[in-house]
Amino acid sequence: MSRWMLASVFSLLAVAGAAAAPMSTARQEQLHNLLVQDCGSCHGLTMRGGLGPALLPERLHERPRAALIDTVMYGRPGTAMPPWNPMLSREEAAWMIDRLLEGINSP
């Protein structure tokens, strides 16, 4: 297992441990870091695309919010997009999608 994969597994385990707790400021910070680091590793650190497509508000607004949440929760079979439902609640996935729709790199 590569170092990147191993680091991702440990990061995901830390996220999974916090997934059952109510949404707190600390959890929001964890989810923000997950967006920037883990999502950014495929979608680009500025969310302009990479292995995965761009996650910019102007692209995401074309899709229904529920479909975006489902993509986070269940992944995209046949692509590198994994399902995050073992580590995230639907509420957390929705929070992350809302940040992307607002523009995660916005001040």
PDB file of N, CA and C in Angstrom:
ATOM      1  N   MET A   1       0.866  -1.175   0.000  1.00  0.00           N
ATOM      2  CA  MET A   1       0.000   0.000   0.000  1.00  0.00           C
ATOM      3  C   MET A   1       0.903   1.224   0.000  1.00  0.00           C
ATOM      4  N   SER A   2       0.600   2.177  -0.891  1.00  0.00           N
ATOM      5  CA  SER A   2       1.427   3.373  -0.996  1.00  0.00           C
ATOM      6  C   SER A   2       1.266   4.253   0.244  1.00  0.00           C
ATOM      7  N   ARG A   3       2.207   5.144   0.441  1.00  0.00           N
ATOM      8  CA  ARG A   3       2.131   6.068   1.578  1.00  0.00           C
ATOM      9  C   ARG A   3       0.886   6.937   1.487  1.00  0.00           C
ATOM     10  N   TRP A   4       0.556   7.395   0.262  1.00  0.00           N
ATOM     11  CA  TRP A   4      -0.624   8.235   0.070  1.00  0.00           C
ATOM     12  C   TRP A   4      -1.877   7.470   0.476  1.00  0.00           C
ATOM     13  N   MET A   5      -1.995   6.217   0.033  1.00  0.00           N
ATOM     14  CA  MET A   5      -3.172   5.415   0.373  1.00  0.00           C
ATOM     15  C   MET A   5      -3.229   5.180   1.874  1.00  0.00           C
ATOM     16  N   LEU A   6      -2.084   4.877   2.482  1.00  0.00           N
ATOM     17  CA  LEU A   6      -2.044   4.640   3.920  1.00  0.00           C
ATOM     18  C   LEU A   6      -2.435   5.903   4.689  1.00  0.00           C
ATOM     19  N   ALA A   7      -1.923   7.035   4.260  1.00  0.00           N
ATOM     20  CA  ALA A   7      -2.286   8.302   4.910  1.00  0.00           C
ATOM     21  C   ALA A   7      -3.774   8.584   4.747  1.00  0.00           C
ATOM     22  N   SER A   8      -4.317   8.281   3.575  1.00  0.00           N
ATOM     23  CA  SER A   8      -5.754   8.479   3.351  1.00  0.00           C
ATOM     24  C   SER A   8      -6.589   7.580   4.247  1.00  0.00           C
ATOM     25  N   VAL A   9      -6.145   6.327   4.415  1.00  0.00           N
ATOM     26  CA  VAL A   9      -6.879   5.401   5.284  1.00  0.00           C
ATOM     27  C   VAL A   9      -6.901   5.930   6.714  1.00  0.00           C
ATOM     28  N   PHE A  10      -5.770   6.382   7.215  1.00  0.00           N
ATOM     29  CA  PHE A  10      -5.725   6.920   8.577  1.00  0.00           C
ATOM     30  C   PHE A  10      -6.581   8.178   8.696  1.00  0.00           C
ATOM     31  N   SER A  11      -6.539   9.024   7.679  1.00  0.00           N
ATOM     32  CA  SER A  11      -7.372  10.228   7.678  1.00  0.00           C
ATOM     33  C   SER A  11      -8.850   9.858   7.703  1.00  0.00           C
ATOM     34  N   LEU A  12      -9.215   8.871   6.926  1.00  0.00           N
ATOM     35  CA  LEU A  12     -10.614   8.442   6.879  1.00  0.00           C
ATOM     36  C   LEU A  12     -11.056   7.806   8.186  1.00  0.00           C
ATOM     37  N   LEU A  13     -10.170   7.072   8.819  1.00  0.00           N
ATOM     38  CA  LEU A  13     -10.520   6.481  10.112  1.00  0.00           C
ATOM     39  C   LEU A  13     -10.766   7.566  11.151  1.00  0.00           C
ATOM     40  N   ALA A  14      -9.989   8.628  11.105  1.00  0.00           N
ATOM     41  CA  ALA A  14     -10.202   9.736  12.038  1.00  0.00           C
ATOM     42  C   ALA A  14     -11.541  10.399  11.765  1.00  0.00           C
ATOM     43  N   VAL A  15     -11.878  10.560  10.496  1.00  0.00           N
ATOM     44  CA  VAL A  15     -13.162  11.143  10.119  1.00  0.00           C
ATOM     45  C   VAL A  15     -14.299  10.225  10.541  1.00  0.00           C
ATOM     46  N   ALA A  16     -14.140   8.931  10.351  1.00  0.00           N
ATOM     47  CA  ALA A  16     -15.191   7.976  10.696  1.00  0.00           C
ATOM     48  C   ALA A  16     -15.495   7.998  12.185  1.00  0.00           C
ATOM     49  N   GLY A  17     -14.486   8.158  13.002  1.00  0.00           N
ATOM     50  CA  GLY A  17     -14.691   8.184  14.439  1.00  0.00           C
ATOM     51  C   GLY A  17     -15.546   9.354  14.883  1.00  0.00           C
ATOM     52  N   ALA A  18     -15.480  10.439  14.145  1.00  0.00           N
ATOM     53  CA  ALA A  18     -16.241  11.628  14.515  1.00  0.00           C
ATOM     54  C   ALA A  18     -17.605  11.696  13.833  1.00  0.00           C
ATOM     55  N   ALA A  19     -17.874  10.800  12.869  1.00  0.00           N
ATOM     56  CA  ALA A  19     -19.091  10.890  12.065  1.00  0.00           C
ATOM     57  C   ALA A  19     -20.371  10.728  12.872  1.00  0.00           C
ATOM     58  N   ALA A  20     -20.354   9.997  13.984  1.00  0.00           N
ATOM     59  CA  ALA A  20     -21.565   9.750  14.753  1.00  0.00           C
ATOM     60  C   ALA A  20     -21.932  10.928  15.667  1.00  0.00           C
ATOM     61  N   ALA A  21     -21.000  11.814  15.919  1.00  0.00           N
ATOM     62  CA  ALA A  21     -21.249  12.936  16.832  1.00  0.00           C
ATOM     63  C   ALA A  21     -22.063  14.022  16.135  1.00  0.00           C
ATOM     64  N   PRO A  22     -22.814  14.828  16.916  1.00  0.00           N
ATOM     65  CA  PRO A  22     -23.521  15.963  16.311  1.00  0.00           C
ATOM     66  C   PRO A  22     -22.522  16.915  15.659  1.00  0.00           C
ATOM     67  N   MET A  23     -22.994  17.660  14.656  1.00  0.00           N
ATOM     68  CA  MET A  23     -22.105  18.575  13.941  1.00  0.00           C
ATOM     69  C   MET A  23     -21.634  19.682  14.885  1.00  0.00           C
ATOM     70  N   SER A  24     -20.357  19.778  15.054  1.00  0.00           N
ATOM     71  CA  SER A  24     -19.751  20.796  15.910  1.00  0.00           C
ATOM     72  C   SER A  24     -18.800  21.624  15.061  1.00  0.00           C
ATOM     73  N   THR A  25     -18.310  22.684  15.640  1.00  0.00           N
ATOM     74  CA  THR A  25     -17.328  23.513  14.945  1.00  0.00           C
ATOM     75  C   THR A  25     -16.089  22.689  14.623  1.00  0.00           C
ATOM     76  N   ALA A  26     -15.674  21.856  15.571  1.00  0.00           N
ATOM     77  CA  ALA A  26     -14.501  21.002  15.346  1.00  0.00           C
ATOM     78  C   ALA A  26     -14.756  20.041  14.190  1.00  0.00           C
ATOM     79  N   ARG A  27     -15.968  19.483  14.118  1.00  0.00           N
ATOM     80  CA  ARG A  27     -16.296  18.554  13.031  1.00  0.00           C
ATOM     81  C   ARG A  27     -16.332  19.296  11.705  1.00  0.00           C
ATOM     82  N   GLN A  28     -16.873  20.498  11.710  1.00  0.00           N
ATOM     83  CA  GLN A  28     -16.880  21.294  10.485  1.00  0.00           C
ATOM     84  C   GLN A  28     -15.461  21.558  10.003  1.00  0.00           C
ATOM     85  N   GLU A  29     -14.549  21.809  10.926  1.00  0.00           N
ATOM     86  CA  GLU A  29     -13.142  22.004  10.557  1.00  0.00           C
ATOM     87  C   GLU A  29     -12.563  20.729   9.957  1.00  0.00           C
ATOM     88  N   GLN A  30     -12.897  19.577  10.539  1.00  0.00           N
ATOM     89  CA  GLN A  30     -12.438  18.301   9.981  1.00  0.00           C
ATOM     90  C   GLN A  30     -12.979  18.095   8.568  1.00  0.00           C
ATOM     91  N   LEU A  31     -14.257  18.392   8.379  1.00  0.00           N
ATOM     92  CA  LEU A  31     -14.864  18.220   7.063  1.00  0.00           C
ATOM     93  C   LEU A  31     -14.263  19.183   6.050  1.00  0.00           C
ATOM     94  N   HIS A  32     -13.965  20.398   6.482  1.00  0.00           N
ATOM     95  CA  HIS A  32     -13.309  21.353   5.591  1.00  0.00           C
ATOM     96  C   HIS A  32     -11.939  20.816   5.178  1.00  0.00           C
ATOM     97  N   ASN A  33     -11.183  20.302   6.132  1.00  0.00           N
ATOM     98  CA  ASN A  33      -9.871  19.718   5.811  1.00  0.00           C
ATOM     99  C   ASN A  33     -10.016  18.525   4.881  1.00  0.00           C
ATOM    100  N   LEU A  34     -11.043  17.718   5.092  1.00  0.00           N
ATOM    101  CA  LEU A  34     -11.308  16.582   4.205  1.00  0.00           C
ATOM    102  C   LEU A  34     -11.551  17.078   2.784  1.00  0.00           C
ATOM    103  N   LEU A  35     -12.343  18.124   2.656  1.00  0.00           N
ATOM    104  CA  LEU A  35     -12.601  18.704   1.334  1.00  0.00           C
ATOM    105  C   LEU A  35     -11.309  19.160   0.668  1.00  0.00           C
ATOM    106  N   VAL A  36     -10.544  19.939   1.384  1.00  0.00           N
ATOM    107  CA  VAL A  36      -9.335  20.509   0.801  1.00  0.00           C
ATOM    108  C   VAL A  36      -8.296  19.429   0.507  1.00  0.00           C
ATOM    109  N   GLN A  37      -8.040  18.562   1.467  1.00  0.00           N
ATOM    110  CA  GLN A  37      -6.964  17.582   1.312  1.00  0.00           C
ATOM    111  C   GLN A  37      -7.381  16.342   0.527  1.00  0.00           C
ATOM    112  N   ASP A  38      -8.416  15.662   0.976  1.00  0.00           N
ATOM    113  CA  ASP A  38      -8.787  14.393   0.348  1.00  0.00           C
ATOM    114  C   ASP A  38      -9.495  14.599  -0.984  1.00  0.00           C
ATOM    115  N   CYS A  39     -10.508  15.457  -1.004  1.00  0.00           N
ATOM    116  CA  CYS A  39     -11.196  15.731  -2.269  1.00  0.00           C
ATOM    117  C   CYS A  39     -10.231  16.439  -3.214  1.00  0.00           C
ATOM    118  N   GLY A  40      -9.459  17.367  -2.644  1.00  0.00           N
ATOM    119  CA  GLY A  40      -8.504  18.118  -3.442  1.00  0.00           C
ATOM    120  C   GLY A  40      -7.418  17.261  -4.061  1.00  0.00           C
ATOM    121  N   SER A  41      -7.124  16.105  -3.464  1.00  0.00           N
ATOM    122  CA  SER A  41      -6.082  15.247  -4.033  1.00  0.00           C
ATOM    123  C   SER A  41      -6.486  14.714  -5.414  1.00  0.00           C
ATOM    124  N   CYS A  42      -7.767  14.622  -5.684  1.00  0.00           N
ATOM    125  CA  CYS A  42      -8.232  14.183  -7.012  1.00  0.00           C
ATOM    126  C   CYS A  42      -8.831  15.332  -7.826  1.00  0.00           C
ATOM    127  N   HIS A  43      -9.527  16.232  -7.165  1.00  0.00           N
ATOM    128  CA  HIS A  43     -10.227  17.309  -7.863  1.00  0.00           C
ATOM    129  C   HIS A  43      -9.401  18.582  -7.948  1.00  0.00           C
ATOM    130  N   GLY A  44      -8.188  18.533  -7.431  1.00  0.00           N
ATOM    131  CA  GLY A  44      -7.302  19.694  -7.445  1.00  0.00           C
ATOM    132  C   GLY A  44      -7.465  20.502  -6.170  1.00  0.00           C
ATOM    133  N   LEU A  45      -6.375  20.969  -5.628  1.00  0.00           N
ATOM    134  CA  LEU A  45      -6.425  21.711  -4.370  1.00  0.00           C
ATOM    135  C   LEU A  45      -7.227  23.002  -4.479  1.00  0.00           C
ATOM    136  N   THR A  46      -7.397  23.504  -5.695  1.00  0.00           N
ATOM    137  CA  THR A  46      -8.243  24.682  -5.907  1.00  0.00           C
ATOM    138  C   THR A  46      -9.596  24.265  -6.486  1.00  0.00           C
ATOM    139  N   MET A  47      -9.859  22.973  -6.510  1.00  0.00           N
ATOM    140  CA  MET A  47     -11.115  22.388  -6.993  1.00  0.00           C
ATOM    141  C   MET A  47     -11.368  22.666  -8.469  1.00  0.00           C
ATOM    142  N   ARG A  48     -10.311  22.946  -9.221  1.00  0.00           N
ATOM    143  CA  ARG A  48     -10.456  23.238 -10.644  1.00  0.00           C
ATOM    144  C   ARG A  48     -10.320  21.996 -11.511  1.00  0.00           C
ATOM    145  N   GLY A  49     -10.231  20.833 -10.891  1.00  0.00           N
ATOM    146  CA  GLY A  49     -10.152  19.585 -11.637  1.00  0.00           C
ATOM    147  C   GLY A  49      -8.766  18.983 -11.590  1.00  0.00           C
ATOM    148  N   GLY A  50      -8.723  17.728 -11.861  1.00  0.00           N
ATOM    149  CA  GLY A  50      -7.490  16.945 -11.868  1.00  0.00           C
ATOM    150  C   GLY A  50      -7.884  15.575 -12.373  1.00  0.00           C
ATOM    151  N   LEU A  51      -7.638  14.554 -11.575  1.00  0.00           N
ATOM    152  CA  LEU A  51      -8.122  13.210 -11.906  1.00  0.00           C
ATOM    153  C   LEU A  51      -9.650  13.248 -11.989  1.00  0.00           C
ATOM    154  N   GLY A  52     -10.263  13.958 -11.036  1.00  0.00           N
ATOM    155  CA  GLY A  52     -11.712  14.140 -11.028  1.00  0.00           C
ATOM    156  C   GLY A  52     -12.077  15.499 -11.612  1.00  0.00           C
ATOM    157  N   PRO A  53     -13.358  15.696 -11.923  1.00  0.00           N
ATOM    158  CA  PRO A  53     -13.781  16.966 -12.518  1.00  0.00           C
ATOM    159  C   PRO A  53     -13.702  18.131 -11.538  1.00  0.00           C
ATOM    160  N   ALA A  54     -13.798  19.320 -12.075  1.00  0.00           N
ATOM    161  CA  ALA A  54     -13.806  20.539 -11.261  1.00  0.00           C
ATOM    162  C   ALA A  54     -15.017  20.533 -10.338  1.00  0.00           C
ATOM    163  N   LEU A  55     -14.832  21.051  -9.126  1.00  0.00           N
ATOM    164  CA  LEU A  55     -15.912  21.159  -8.141  1.00  0.00           C
ATOM    165  C   LEU A  55     -16.183  22.630  -7.838  1.00  0.00           C
ATOM    166  N   LEU A  56     -16.282  23.409  -8.878  1.00  0.00           N
ATOM    167  CA  LEU A  56     -16.530  24.838  -8.744  1.00  0.00           C
ATOM    168  C   LEU A  56     -18.032  25.104  -8.741  1.00  0.00           C
ATOM    169  N   PRO A  57     -18.467  26.154  -8.036  1.00  0.00           N
ATOM    170  CA  PRO A  57     -19.905  26.437  -7.940  1.00  0.00           C
ATOM    171  C   PRO A  57     -20.607  26.492  -9.294  1.00  0.00           C
ATOM    172  N   GLU A  58     -19.995  27.125 -10.282  1.00  0.00           N
ATOM    173  CA  GLU A  58     -20.648  27.255 -11.585  1.00  0.00           C
ATOM    174  C   GLU A  58     -20.881  25.905 -12.269  1.00  0.00           C
ATOM    175  N   ARG A  59     -20.040  24.930 -11.981  1.00  0.00           N
ATOM    176  CA  ARG A  59     -20.254  23.580 -12.536  1.00  0.00           C
ATOM    177  C   ARG A  59     -21.262  22.803 -11.706  1.00  0.00           C
ATOM    178  N   LEU A  60     -21.184  22.959 -10.395  1.00  0.00           N
ATOM    179  CA  LEU A  60     -22.047  22.176  -9.510  1.00  0.00           C
ATOM    180  C   LEU A  60     -23.496  22.649  -9.542  1.00  0.00           C
ATOM    181  N   HIS A  61     -23.717  23.935  -9.764  1.00  0.00           N
ATOM    182  CA  HIS A  61     -25.082  24.462  -9.783  1.00  0.00           C
ATOM    183  C   HIS A  61     -25.912  23.866 -10.921  1.00  0.00           C
ATOM    184  N   GLU A  62     -25.249  23.227 -11.888  1.00  0.00           N
ATOM    185  CA  GLU A  62     -25.950  22.584 -12.999  1.00  0.00           C
ATOM    186  C   GLU A  62     -26.617  21.282 -12.564  1.00  0.00           C
ATOM    187  N   ARG A  63     -26.224  20.763 -11.411  1.00  0.00           N
ATOM    188  CA  ARG A  63     -26.712  19.467 -10.952  1.00  0.00           C
ATOM    189  C   ARG A  63     -27.584  19.619  -9.712  1.00  0.00           C
ATOM    190  N   PRO A  64     -28.561  18.733  -9.554  1.00  0.00           N
ATOM    191  CA  PRO A  64     -29.389  18.787  -8.340  1.00  0.00           C
ATOM    192  C   PRO A  64     -28.548  18.514  -7.090  1.00  0.00           C
ATOM    193  N   ARG A  65     -28.799  19.263  -6.042  1.00  0.00           N
ATOM    194  CA  ARG A  65     -28.064  19.117  -4.779  1.00  0.00           C
ATOM    195  C   ARG A  65     -28.131  17.675  -4.277  1.00  0.00           C
ATOM    196  N   ALA A  66     -29.296  17.055  -4.336  1.00  0.00           N
ATOM    197  CA  ALA A  66     -29.448  15.671  -3.860  1.00  0.00           C
ATOM    198  C   ALA A  66     -28.566  14.707  -4.654  1.00  0.00           C
ATOM    199  N   ALA A  67     -28.422  14.948  -5.940  1.00  0.00           N
ATOM    200  CA  ALA A  67     -27.559  14.088  -6.765  1.00  0.00           C
ATOM    201  C   ALA A  67     -26.093  14.251  -6.368  1.00  0.00           C
ATOM    202  N   LEU A  68     -25.700  15.467  -6.037  1.00  0.00           N
ATOM    203  CA  LEU A  68     -24.324  15.712  -5.593  1.00  0.00           C
ATOM    204  C   LEU A  68     -24.060  15.004  -4.265  1.00  0.00           C
ATOM    205  N   ILE A  69     -25.019  15.080  -3.357  1.00  0.00           N
ATOM    206  CA  ILE A  69     -24.880  14.390  -2.065  1.00  0.00           C
ATOM    207  C   ILE A  69     -24.785  12.887  -2.293  1.00  0.00           C
ATOM    208  N   ASP A  70     -25.622  12.350  -3.178  1.00  0.00           N
ATOM    209  CA  ASP A  70     -25.572  10.919  -3.490  1.00  0.00           C
ATOM    210  C   ASP A  70     -24.211  10.522  -4.056  1.00  0.00           C
ATOM    211  N   THR A  71     -23.627  11.380  -4.874  1.00  0.00           N
ATOM    212  CA  THR A  71     -22.301  11.084  -5.429  1.00  0.00           C
ATOM    213  C   THR A  71     -21.272  10.972  -4.316  1.00  0.00           C
ATOM    214  N   VAL A  72     -21.333  11.870  -3.353  1.00  0.00           N
ATOM    215  CA  VAL A  72     -20.408  11.799  -2.213  1.00  0.00           C
ATOM    216  C   VAL A  72     -20.672  10.518  -1.426  1.00  0.00           C
ATOM    217  N   MET A  73     -21.922  10.232  -1.159  1.00  0.00           N
ATOM    218  CA  MET A  73     -22.264   9.079  -0.319  1.00  0.00           C
ATOM    219  C   MET A  73     -21.954   7.743  -0.987  1.00  0.00           C
ATOM    220  N   TYR A  74     -22.262   7.609  -2.277  1.00  0.00           N
ATOM    221  CA  TYR A  74     -22.190   6.301  -2.939  1.00  0.00           C
ATOM    222  C   TYR A  74     -21.118   6.198  -4.004  1.00  0.00           C
ATOM    223  N   GLY A  75     -20.405   7.290  -4.258  1.00  0.00           N
ATOM    224  CA  GLY A  75     -19.340   7.256  -5.243  1.00  0.00           C
ATOM    225  C   GLY A  75     -19.884   7.165  -6.654  1.00  0.00           C
ATOM    226  N   ARG A  76     -18.990   6.879  -7.570  1.00  0.00           N
ATOM    227  CA  ARG A  76     -19.343   6.702  -8.981  1.00  0.00           C
ATOM    228  C   ARG A  76     -18.687   5.415  -9.455  1.00  0.00           C
ATOM    229  N   PRO A  77     -19.459   4.333  -9.515  1.00  0.00           N
ATOM    230  CA  PRO A  77     -18.888   3.057  -9.969  1.00  0.00           C
ATOM    231  C   PRO A  77     -18.195   3.209 -11.331  1.00  0.00           C
ATOM    232  N   GLY A  78     -17.077   2.531 -11.464  1.00  0.00           N
ATOM    233  CA  GLY A  78     -16.317   2.576 -12.703  1.00  0.00           C
ATOM    234  C   GLY A  78     -15.395   3.781 -12.809  1.00  0.00           C
ATOM    235  N   THR A  79     -15.348   4.607 -11.748  1.00  0.00           N
ATOM    236  CA  THR A  79     -14.446   5.759 -11.729  1.00  0.00           C
ATOM    237  C   THR A  79     -13.617   5.697 -10.446  1.00  0.00           C
ATOM    238  N   ALA A  80     -12.741   6.662 -10.282  1.00  0.00           N
ATOM    239  CA  ALA A  80     -11.921   6.730  -9.067  1.00  0.00           C
ATOM    240  C   ALA A  80     -12.684   7.322  -7.882  1.00  0.00           C
ATOM    241  N   MET A  81     -13.940   7.775  -8.095  1.00  0.00           N
ATOM    242  CA  MET A  81     -14.719   8.393  -7.014  1.00  0.00           C
ATOM    243  C   MET A  81     -15.257   7.306  -6.084  1.00  0.00           C
ATOM    244  N   PRO A  82     -14.714   7.268  -4.847  1.00  0.00           N
ATOM    245  CA  PRO A  82     -15.147   6.235  -3.900  1.00  0.00           C
ATOM    246  C   PRO A  82     -16.420   6.642  -3.158  1.00  0.00           C
ATOM    247  N   PRO A  83     -17.115   5.671  -2.595  1.00  0.00           N
ATOM    248  CA  PRO A  83     -18.248   6.003  -1.726  1.00  0.00           C
ATOM    249  C   PRO A  83     -17.714   6.454  -0.367  1.00  0.00           C
ATOM    250  N   TRP A  84     -18.266   7.534   0.160  1.00  0.00           N
ATOM    251  CA  TRP A  84     -17.825   8.050   1.450  1.00  0.00           C
ATOM    252  C   TRP A  84     -18.820   7.710   2.555  1.00  0.00           C
ATOM    253  N   ASN A  85     -19.900   6.987   2.222  1.00  0.00           N
ATOM    254  CA  ASN A  85     -20.910   6.690   3.245  1.00  0.00           C
ATOM    255  C   ASN A  85     -20.394   5.868   4.419  1.00  0.00           C
ATOM    256  N   PRO A  86     -19.326   5.103   4.304  1.00  0.00           N
ATOM    257  CA  PRO A  86     -18.820   4.447   5.516  1.00  0.00           C
ATOM    258  C   PRO A  86     -18.213   5.433   6.522  1.00  0.00           C
ATOM    259  N   MET A  87     -17.830   6.637   6.035  1.00  0.00           N
ATOM    260  CA  MET A  87     -17.143   7.594   6.892  1.00  0.00           C
ATOM    261  C   MET A  87     -17.924   8.863   7.172  1.00  0.00           C
ATOM    262  N   LEU A  88     -18.945   9.141   6.381  1.00  0.00           N
ATOM    263  CA  LEU A  88     -19.706  10.378   6.510  1.00  0.00           C
ATOM    264  C   LEU A  88     -21.197  10.102   6.632  1.00  0.00           C
ATOM    265  N   SER A  89     -21.871  10.927   7.392  1.00  0.00           N
ATOM    266  CA  SER A  89     -23.334  10.874   7.420  1.00  0.00           C
ATOM    267  C   SER A  89     -23.845  11.685   6.233  1.00  0.00           C
ATOM    268  N   ARG A  90     -25.096  11.496   5.904  1.00  0.00           N
ATOM    269  CA  ARG A  90     -25.704  12.275   4.825  1.00  0.00           C
ATOM    270  C   ARG A  90     -25.676  13.775   5.174  1.00  0.00           C
ATOM    271  N   GLU A  91     -25.894  14.097   6.441  1.00  0.00           N
ATOM    272  CA  GLU A  91     -25.837  15.496   6.890  1.00  0.00           C
ATOM    273  C   GLU A  91     -24.446  16.086   6.630  1.00  0.00           C
ATOM    274  N   GLU A  92     -23.420  15.323   6.911  1.00  0.00           N
ATOM    275  CA  GLU A  92     -22.046  15.802   6.696  1.00  0.00           C
ATOM    276  C   GLU A  92     -21.760  15.965   5.205  1.00  0.00           C
ATOM    277  N   ALA A  93     -22.217  15.014   4.397  1.00  0.00           N
ATOM    278  CA  ALA A  93     -22.032  15.132   2.945  1.00  0.00           C
ATOM    279  C   ALA A  93     -22.755  16.380   2.434  1.00  0.00           C
ATOM    280  N   ALA A  94     -23.958  16.634   2.943  1.00  0.00           N
ATOM    281  CA  ALA A  94     -24.711  17.824   2.546  1.00  0.00           C
ATOM    282  C   ALA A  94     -23.961  19.092   2.949  1.00  0.00           C
ATOM    283  N   TRP A  95     -23.383  19.102   4.142  1.00  0.00           N
ATOM    284  CA  TRP A  95     -22.603  20.251   4.597  1.00  0.00           C
ATOM    285  C   TRP A  95     -21.446  20.506   3.633  1.00  0.00           C
ATOM    286  N   MET A  96     -20.765  19.441   3.229  1.00  0.00           N
ATOM    287  CA  MET A  96     -19.632  19.572   2.313  1.00  0.00           C
ATOM    288  C   MET A  96     -20.085  20.088   0.944  1.00  0.00           C
ATOM    289  N   ILE A  97     -21.177  19.555   0.438  1.00  0.00           N
ATOM    290  CA  ILE A  97     -21.701  20.018  -0.844  1.00  0.00           C
ATOM    291  C   ILE A  97     -22.069  21.495  -0.763  1.00  0.00           C
ATOM    292  N   ASP A  98     -22.686  21.887   0.330  1.00  0.00           N
ATOM    293  CA  ASP A  98     -23.043  23.298   0.491  1.00  0.00           C
ATOM    294  C   ASP A  98     -21.806  24.192   0.467  1.00  0.00           C
ATOM    295  N   ARG A  99     -20.700  23.743   1.079  1.00  0.00           N
ATOM    296  CA  ARG A  99     -19.463  24.526   1.039  1.00  0.00           C
ATOM    297  C   ARG A  99     -18.972  24.636  -0.400  1.00  0.00           C
ATOM    298  N   LEU A 100     -19.049  23.541  -1.159  1.00  0.00           N
ATOM    299  CA  LEU A 100     -18.608  23.585  -2.551  1.00  0.00           C
ATOM    300  C   LEU A 100     -19.504  24.497  -3.386  1.00  0.00           C
ATOM    301  N   LEU A 101     -20.805  24.457  -3.136  1.00  0.00           N
ATOM    302  CA  LEU A 101     -21.733  25.322  -3.877  1.00  0.00           C
ATOM    303  C   LEU A 101     -21.485  26.795  -3.577  1.00  0.00           C
ATOM    304  N   GLU A 102     -20.992  27.092  -2.373  1.00  0.00           N
ATOM    305  CA  GLU A 102     -20.660  28.466  -1.988  1.00  0.00           C
ATOM    306  C   GLU A 102     -19.301  28.891  -2.547  1.00  0.00           C
ATOM    307  N   GLY A 103     -18.474  27.921  -2.852  1.00  0.00           N
ATOM    308  CA  GLY A 103     -17.115  28.194  -3.275  1.00  0.00           C
ATOM    309  C   GLY A 103     -16.166  28.013  -2.123  1.00  0.00           C
ATOM    310  N   ILE A 104     -15.611  26.846  -1.978  1.00  0.00           N
ATOM    311  CA  ILE A 104     -14.785  26.492  -0.817  1.00  0.00           C
ATOM    312  C   ILE A 104     -13.591  27.423  -0.647  1.00  0.00           C
ATOM    313  N   ASN A 105     -13.079  27.950  -1.736  1.00  0.00           N
ATOM    314  CA  ASN A 105     -11.904  28.826  -1.637  1.00  0.00           C
ATOM    315  C   ASN A 105     -12.285  30.291  -1.493  1.00  0.00           C
ATOM    316  N   SER A 106     -13.574  30.560  -1.311  1.00  0.00           N
ATOM    317  CA  SER A 106     -14.008  31.943  -1.094  1.00  0.00           C
ATOM    318  C   SER A 106     -13.662  32.351   0.326  1.00  0.00           C
ATOM    319  N   PRO A 107     -13.357  33.643   0.552  1.00  0.00           N
ATOM    320  CA  PRO A 107     -13.048  34.099   1.915  1.00  0.00           C
ATOM    321  C   PRO A 107     -14.277  34.062   2.798  1.00  0.00           C
TER     322      PRO A 107
END
